[in-house]
Amino acid sequence: MWRRKSAEDEPGHRIARFGDVAVVSFLRGRYPSESEQTIETAMTAARDAAAEDRLLVLDFGEVEWIASTAFRPLAFALKQFRADGGKYVATGGGPLVHTLLRFFPDLEEKDSKADAIAALSAEARMIYGREEGQH
């Protein structure tokens, strides 16, 4: 069944900080090739949020798929972030996202956002747990 595309269908991102870890959460299911600018904007915001401590979680939990061409700005940003001394971990995403992430050999994947945060900072994991009501 065809339905009209709404603003809720548009991809986007959300940035959060838990102690010394910045988390960029990519929102809403699909990122077609036209989403390059959206991903570039998200990664610029993530890099700015992680500027001080250089610790970043990439949360693909709401993402169904990302076109390989839309991955270009992500690849560039991660390469630059790593060169600047940053550390990053990914979590979430559907099978296509996992397939594309295999092209980033230094990108560690975790099963949950909590595990991804913990992989970078125990202090940040405790803060995340308190804010999200986890123990």
N, C-alpha and C. Protein backbone atom coordinates (compact mmCIF):
# COMPACT_ATOMS: atom_id res chain seq x y z
N MET A 1 0.83 -1.18 0.00
CA MET A 1 0.00 0.00 0.00
C MET A 1 0.88 1.25 0.00
N TRP A 2 0.62 2.15 -0.89
CA TRP A 2 1.36 3.39 -0.98
C TRP A 2 0.83 4.38 0.04
N ARG A 3 1.74 5.13 0.64
CA ARG A 3 1.31 6.21 1.53
C ARG A 3 2.20 7.41 1.30
N ARG A 4 1.66 8.56 1.58
CA ARG A 4 2.40 9.80 1.39
C ARG A 4 3.54 9.86 2.40
N LYS A 5 4.69 10.32 1.95
CA LYS A 5 5.85 10.50 2.82
C LYS A 5 5.58 11.69 3.73
N SER A 6 5.84 11.52 5.01
CA SER A 6 5.61 12.60 5.96
C SER A 6 6.93 13.03 6.58
N ALA A 7 6.89 14.11 7.35
CA ALA A 7 8.09 14.58 8.04
C ALA A 7 8.62 13.51 9.00
N GLU A 8 7.74 12.68 9.53
CA GLU A 8 8.17 11.61 10.43
C GLU A 8 8.99 10.55 9.70
N ASP A 9 8.88 10.49 8.38
CA ASP A 9 9.65 9.52 7.60
C ASP A 9 11.07 10.00 7.32
N GLU A 10 11.31 11.28 7.52
CA GLU A 10 12.62 11.85 7.20
C GLU A 10 13.65 11.40 8.23
N PRO A 11 14.82 10.98 7.76
CA PRO A 11 15.87 10.60 8.70
C PRO A 11 16.39 11.81 9.45
N GLY A 12 16.96 11.57 10.59
CA GLY A 12 17.52 12.64 11.40
C GLY A 12 18.43 12.05 12.45
N HIS A 13 18.75 12.85 13.46
CA HIS A 13 19.63 12.38 14.51
C HIS A 13 19.31 13.10 15.82
N ARG A 14 19.82 12.52 16.89
CA ARG A 14 19.70 13.10 18.22
C ARG A 14 21.08 12.92 18.88
N ILE A 15 21.53 13.94 19.58
CA ILE A 15 22.81 13.89 20.28
C ILE A 15 22.54 13.92 21.78
N ALA A 16 23.24 13.06 22.51
CA ALA A 16 23.17 13.05 23.98
C ALA A 16 24.57 12.88 24.53
N ARG A 17 24.77 13.35 25.75
CA ARG A 17 26.05 13.13 26.44
C ARG A 17 25.77 12.44 27.76
N PHE A 18 26.59 11.46 28.04
CA PHE A 18 26.56 10.75 29.31
C PHE A 18 27.98 10.80 29.86
N GLY A 19 28.24 11.75 30.74
CA GLY A 19 29.59 11.94 31.25
C GLY A 19 30.52 12.31 30.12
N ASP A 20 31.56 11.50 29.92
CA ASP A 20 32.57 11.81 28.90
C ASP A 20 32.28 11.19 27.53
N VAL A 21 31.11 10.59 27.35
CA VAL A 21 30.76 9.93 26.08
C VAL A 21 29.61 10.68 25.39
N ALA A 22 29.81 10.98 24.12
CA ALA A 22 28.74 11.54 23.29
C ALA A 22 28.09 10.39 22.52
N VAL A 23 26.77 10.47 22.37
CA VAL A 23 26.02 9.44 21.63
C VAL A 23 25.25 10.13 20.52
N VAL A 24 25.48 9.68 19.29
CA VAL A 24 24.66 10.15 18.17
C VAL A 24 23.72 9.01 17.81
N SER A 25 22.42 9.28 17.93
CA SER A 25 21.40 8.29 17.59
C SER A 25 20.79 8.69 16.25
N PHE A 26 20.92 7.79 15.28
CA PHE A 26 20.32 8.03 13.97
C PHE A 26 18.87 7.59 14.05
N LEU A 27 17.96 8.45 13.61
CA LEU A 27 16.53 8.24 13.79
C LEU A 27 15.84 7.77 12.52
N ARG A 28 14.72 7.11 12.72
CA ARG A 28 13.79 6.73 11.66
C ARG A 28 14.41 5.90 10.57
N GLY A 29 13.91 4.78 10.36
CA GLY A 29 14.25 3.71 9.47
C GLY A 29 15.21 3.76 8.33
N ARG A 30 15.03 4.59 7.33
CA ARG A 30 15.77 4.42 6.07
C ARG A 30 16.54 5.67 5.68
N TYR A 31 17.77 5.45 5.21
CA TYR A 31 18.63 6.53 4.76
C TYR A 31 19.02 6.26 3.30
N PRO A 32 18.24 6.78 2.34
CA PRO A 32 18.57 6.58 0.93
C PRO A 32 19.79 7.40 0.55
N SER A 33 20.23 7.26 -0.69
CA SER A 33 21.44 7.95 -1.15
C SER A 33 21.32 9.47 -0.98
N GLU A 34 20.11 9.99 -1.00
CA GLU A 34 19.90 11.43 -0.84
C GLU A 34 20.16 11.88 0.60
N SER A 35 20.47 10.96 1.49
CA SER A 35 20.65 11.27 2.92
C SER A 35 22.08 11.63 3.28
N GLU A 36 22.96 11.76 2.29
CA GLU A 36 24.35 12.09 2.58
C GLU A 36 24.47 13.33 3.46
N GLN A 37 23.73 14.38 3.12
CA GLN A 37 23.81 15.63 3.90
C GLN A 37 23.30 15.42 5.32
N THR A 38 22.27 14.63 5.47
CA THR A 38 21.72 14.35 6.80
C THR A 38 22.76 13.66 7.67
N ILE A 39 23.46 12.68 7.10
CA ILE A 39 24.49 11.97 7.85
C ILE A 39 25.67 12.88 8.13
N GLU A 40 26.05 13.69 7.17
CA GLU A 40 27.15 14.64 7.38
C GLU A 40 26.82 15.61 8.51
N THR A 41 25.59 16.11 8.54
CA THR A 41 25.15 17.02 9.60
C THR A 41 25.20 16.32 10.96
N ALA A 42 24.72 15.08 11.00
CA ALA A 42 24.74 14.31 12.26
C ALA A 42 26.16 14.10 12.75
N MET A 43 27.06 13.76 11.84
CA MET A 43 28.44 13.49 12.25
C MET A 43 29.17 14.76 12.66
N THR A 44 28.85 15.89 12.06
CA THR A 44 29.43 17.16 12.49
C THR A 44 28.98 17.49 13.91
N ALA A 45 27.69 17.31 14.17
CA ALA A 45 27.16 17.54 15.52
C ALA A 45 27.78 16.57 16.53
N ALA A 46 27.94 15.31 16.12
CA ALA A 46 28.54 14.31 17.01
C ALA A 46 29.99 14.65 17.30
N ARG A 47 30.73 15.03 16.28
CA ARG A 47 32.14 15.40 16.47
C ARG A 47 32.25 16.59 17.41
N ASP A 48 31.37 17.57 17.26
CA ASP A 48 31.38 18.73 18.16
C ASP A 48 31.05 18.33 19.59
N ALA A 49 30.07 17.43 19.76
CA ALA A 49 29.68 16.99 21.11
C ALA A 49 30.78 16.17 21.77
N ALA A 50 31.57 15.48 20.97
CA ALA A 50 32.63 14.63 21.51
C ALA A 50 33.99 15.32 21.49
N ALA A 51 34.03 16.61 21.19
CA ALA A 51 35.29 17.32 20.98
C ALA A 51 36.23 17.24 22.18
N GLU A 52 35.70 17.35 23.38
CA GLU A 52 36.56 17.39 24.56
C GLU A 52 37.17 16.03 24.90
N ASP A 53 36.34 15.00 24.97
CA ASP A 53 36.81 13.70 25.44
C ASP A 53 37.11 12.70 24.33
N ARG A 54 36.64 12.97 23.12
CA ARG A 54 36.92 12.12 21.94
C ARG A 54 36.36 10.71 22.08
N LEU A 55 35.21 10.55 22.74
CA LEU A 55 34.55 9.25 22.89
C LEU A 55 33.15 9.34 22.30
N LEU A 56 32.83 8.43 21.35
CA LEU A 56 31.58 8.54 20.60
C LEU A 56 30.92 7.19 20.41
N VAL A 57 29.61 7.13 20.67
CA VAL A 57 28.80 5.96 20.35
C VAL A 57 27.91 6.31 19.16
N LEU A 58 27.90 5.42 18.17
CA LEU A 58 27.03 5.55 17.01
C LEU A 58 25.86 4.59 17.22
N ASP A 59 24.68 5.14 17.44
CA ASP A 59 23.51 4.32 17.73
C ASP A 59 22.63 4.24 16.49
N PHE A 60 22.61 3.05 15.87
CA PHE A 60 21.80 2.81 14.68
C PHE A 60 20.53 2.04 15.01
N GLY A 61 20.10 2.09 16.26
CA GLY A 61 18.98 1.29 16.74
C GLY A 61 17.67 1.46 15.99
N GLU A 62 17.42 2.64 15.44
CA GLU A 62 16.16 2.88 14.72
C GLU A 62 16.33 2.79 13.21
N VAL A 63 17.51 2.40 12.74
CA VAL A 63 17.82 2.41 11.31
C VAL A 63 17.56 1.04 10.69
N GLU A 64 16.77 1.01 9.64
CA GLU A 64 16.53 -0.23 8.89
C GLU A 64 17.63 -0.47 7.88
N TRP A 65 17.97 0.57 7.12
CA TRP A 65 19.05 0.46 6.15
C TRP A 65 19.59 1.83 5.79
N ILE A 66 20.84 1.81 5.30
CA ILE A 66 21.51 3.02 4.83
C ILE A 66 22.10 2.69 3.47
N ALA A 67 21.81 3.51 2.48
CA ALA A 67 22.39 3.31 1.16
C ALA A 67 23.91 3.46 1.26
N SER A 68 24.63 2.64 0.51
CA SER A 68 26.09 2.67 0.60
C SER A 68 26.65 4.05 0.26
N THR A 69 26.01 4.77 -0.65
CA THR A 69 26.48 6.11 -1.00
C THR A 69 26.27 7.09 0.15
N ALA A 70 25.27 6.87 0.97
CA ALA A 70 25.03 7.72 2.13
C ALA A 70 26.04 7.45 3.24
N PHE A 71 26.77 6.33 3.13
CA PHE A 71 27.79 6.00 4.12
C PHE A 71 29.07 6.81 3.93
N ARG A 72 29.27 7.42 2.77
CA ARG A 72 30.50 8.16 2.50
C ARG A 72 30.83 9.20 3.56
N PRO A 73 29.88 10.09 3.91
CA PRO A 73 30.22 11.09 4.93
C PRO A 73 30.49 10.46 6.30
N LEU A 74 29.86 9.34 6.58
CA LEU A 74 30.13 8.63 7.84
C LEU A 74 31.57 8.11 7.84
N ALA A 75 31.97 7.48 6.74
CA ALA A 75 33.33 6.95 6.63
C ALA A 75 34.36 8.06 6.77
N PHE A 76 34.13 9.17 6.10
CA PHE A 76 35.06 10.30 6.17
C PHE A 76 35.14 10.83 7.60
N ALA A 77 34.00 11.03 8.24
CA ALA A 77 33.98 11.58 9.60
C ALA A 77 34.67 10.64 10.59
N LEU A 78 34.43 9.33 10.46
CA LEU A 78 35.06 8.38 11.38
C LEU A 78 36.58 8.34 11.17
N LYS A 79 37.00 8.41 9.94
CA LYS A 79 38.44 8.42 9.65
C LYS A 79 39.09 9.65 10.28
N GLN A 80 38.45 10.80 10.13
CA GLN A 80 38.97 12.04 10.69
C GLN A 80 38.93 11.99 12.23
N PHE A 81 37.84 11.47 12.79
CA PHE A 81 37.70 11.37 14.24
C PHE A 81 38.79 10.48 14.82
N ARG A 82 39.06 9.35 14.17
CA ARG A 82 40.12 8.43 14.61
C ARG A 82 41.48 9.11 14.51
N ALA A 83 41.74 9.82 13.43
CA ALA A 83 43.02 10.50 13.24
C ALA A 83 43.26 11.57 14.31
N ASP A 84 42.16 12.14 14.82
CA ASP A 84 42.25 13.15 15.88
C ASP A 84 42.33 12.53 17.28
N GLY A 85 42.45 11.19 17.33
CA GLY A 85 42.59 10.51 18.62
C GLY A 85 41.29 10.03 19.22
N GLY A 86 40.21 10.07 18.47
CA GLY A 86 38.91 9.65 18.98
C GLY A 86 38.73 8.14 18.98
N LYS A 87 37.85 7.68 19.87
CA LYS A 87 37.44 6.27 19.95
C LYS A 87 35.95 6.21 19.74
N TYR A 88 35.47 5.19 19.00
CA TYR A 88 34.04 5.07 18.76
C TYR A 88 33.61 3.61 18.75
N VAL A 89 32.34 3.42 19.09
CA VAL A 89 31.72 2.10 19.15
C VAL A 89 30.32 2.26 18.55
N ALA A 90 29.83 1.22 17.86
CA ALA A 90 28.49 1.27 17.25
C ALA A 90 27.56 0.26 17.91
N THR A 91 26.27 0.54 17.79
CA THR A 91 25.25 -0.38 18.28
C THR A 91 24.00 -0.24 17.42
N GLY A 92 23.19 -1.29 17.37
CA GLY A 92 21.90 -1.26 16.70
C GLY A 92 21.98 -1.35 15.19
N GLY A 93 20.81 -1.24 14.57
CA GLY A 93 20.72 -1.26 13.12
C GLY A 93 20.33 -2.63 12.58
N GLY A 94 19.76 -2.63 11.42
CA GLY A 94 19.34 -3.87 10.78
C GLY A 94 20.49 -4.56 10.10
N PRO A 95 20.21 -5.68 9.43
CA PRO A 95 21.26 -6.47 8.77
C PRO A 95 22.06 -5.69 7.73
N LEU A 96 21.40 -4.82 6.98
CA LEU A 96 22.14 -4.04 5.98
C LEU A 96 23.13 -3.09 6.63
N VAL A 97 22.74 -2.50 7.75
CA VAL A 97 23.65 -1.61 8.47
C VAL A 97 24.85 -2.40 8.95
N HIS A 98 24.61 -3.59 9.51
CA HIS A 98 25.72 -4.43 9.98
C HIS A 98 26.65 -4.81 8.84
N THR A 99 26.10 -5.09 7.68
CA THR A 99 26.92 -5.43 6.52
C THR A 99 27.81 -4.25 6.14
N LEU A 100 27.25 -3.06 6.10
CA LEU A 100 28.03 -1.88 5.74
C LEU A 100 29.08 -1.56 6.79
N LEU A 101 28.76 -1.79 8.07
CA LEU A 101 29.72 -1.49 9.14
C LEU A 101 30.94 -2.40 9.08
N ARG A 102 30.83 -3.52 8.41
CA ARG A 102 31.98 -4.41 8.26
C ARG A 102 33.11 -3.74 7.47
N PHE A 103 32.79 -2.69 6.73
CA PHE A 103 33.81 -1.97 5.99
C PHE A 103 34.63 -1.04 6.88
N PHE A 104 34.29 -0.99 8.15
CA PHE A 104 35.03 -0.19 9.13
C PHE A 104 35.69 -1.16 10.10
N PRO A 105 36.88 -1.67 9.76
CA PRO A 105 37.49 -2.73 10.57
C PRO A 105 37.80 -2.33 12.01
N ASP A 106 37.99 -1.04 12.28
CA ASP A 106 38.30 -0.63 13.64
C ASP A 106 37.05 -0.23 14.43
N LEU A 107 35.88 -0.45 13.85
CA LEU A 107 34.63 -0.09 14.51
C LEU A 107 34.10 -1.29 15.29
N GLU A 108 34.14 -1.17 16.60
CA GLU A 108 33.63 -2.23 17.47
C GLU A 108 32.11 -2.11 17.55
N GLU A 109 31.41 -3.24 17.51
CA GLU A 109 29.95 -3.25 17.63
C GLU A 109 29.55 -3.90 18.94
N LYS A 110 28.55 -3.33 19.58
CA LYS A 110 28.00 -3.88 20.83
C LYS A 110 26.50 -4.12 20.64
N ASP A 111 25.96 -5.01 21.48
CA ASP A 111 24.55 -5.40 21.37
C ASP A 111 23.58 -4.33 21.84
N SER A 112 24.00 -3.45 22.72
CA SER A 112 23.08 -2.44 23.25
C SER A 112 23.81 -1.11 23.40
N LYS A 113 23.02 -0.04 23.53
CA LYS A 113 23.59 1.27 23.75
C LYS A 113 24.37 1.29 25.07
N ALA A 114 23.81 0.64 26.09
CA ALA A 114 24.49 0.58 27.39
C ALA A 114 25.85 -0.10 27.26
N ASP A 115 25.92 -1.21 26.53
CA ASP A 115 27.19 -1.91 26.33
C ASP A 115 28.18 -1.06 25.53
N ALA A 116 27.68 -0.33 24.55
CA ALA A 116 28.55 0.52 23.74
C ALA A 116 29.14 1.64 24.59
N ILE A 117 28.32 2.25 25.42
CA ILE A 117 28.80 3.31 26.31
C ILE A 117 29.82 2.74 27.29
N ALA A 118 29.52 1.56 27.86
CA ALA A 118 30.42 0.93 28.82
C ALA A 118 31.77 0.59 28.20
N ALA A 119 31.78 0.25 26.91
CA ALA A 119 33.04 -0.08 26.24
C ALA A 119 33.98 1.12 26.18
N LEU A 120 33.43 2.32 26.29
CA LEU A 120 34.24 3.54 26.24
C LEU A 120 34.51 4.13 27.61
N SER A 121 33.56 3.98 28.55
CA SER A 121 33.71 4.63 29.84
C SER A 121 32.77 4.02 30.88
N ALA A 122 33.34 3.50 31.96
CA ALA A 122 32.52 2.94 33.04
C ALA A 122 31.71 4.04 33.72
N GLU A 123 32.31 5.22 33.88
CA GLU A 123 31.60 6.34 34.50
C GLU A 123 30.38 6.74 33.66
N ALA A 124 30.57 6.83 32.34
CA ALA A 124 29.46 7.19 31.46
C ALA A 124 28.36 6.14 31.51
N ARG A 125 28.72 4.87 31.64
CA ARG A 125 27.73 3.80 31.72
C ARG A 125 26.88 3.95 32.97
N MET A 126 27.50 4.33 34.09
CA MET A 126 26.74 4.54 35.33
C MET A 126 25.78 5.71 35.18
N ILE A 127 26.23 6.78 34.55
CA ILE A 127 25.37 7.95 34.33
C ILE A 127 24.22 7.57 33.42
N TYR A 128 24.51 6.84 32.34
CA TYR A 128 23.47 6.39 31.42
C TYR A 128 22.44 5.53 32.16
N GLY A 129 22.91 4.62 32.97
CA GLY A 129 22.01 3.76 33.73
C GLY A 129 21.08 4.53 34.64
N ARG A 130 21.60 5.53 35.31
CA ARG A 130 20.77 6.37 36.19
C ARG A 130 19.74 7.15 35.38
N GLU A 131 20.17 7.74 34.26
CA GLU A 131 19.26 8.57 33.46
C GLU A 131 18.22 7.75 32.73
N GLU A 132 18.56 6.53 32.38
CA GLU A 132 17.63 5.68 31.64
C GLU A 132 16.87 4.72 32.56
N GLY A 133 17.12 4.80 33.87
CA GLY A 133 16.43 3.95 34.83
C GLY A 133 16.90 2.50 34.83
N GLN A 134 18.16 2.27 34.40
CA GLN A 134 18.73 0.93 34.39
C GLN A 134 19.67 0.78 35.56
N HIS A 135 19.97 -0.45 35.91
CA HIS A 135 20.91 -0.68 37.02
C HIS A 135 22.15 -1.33 36.53
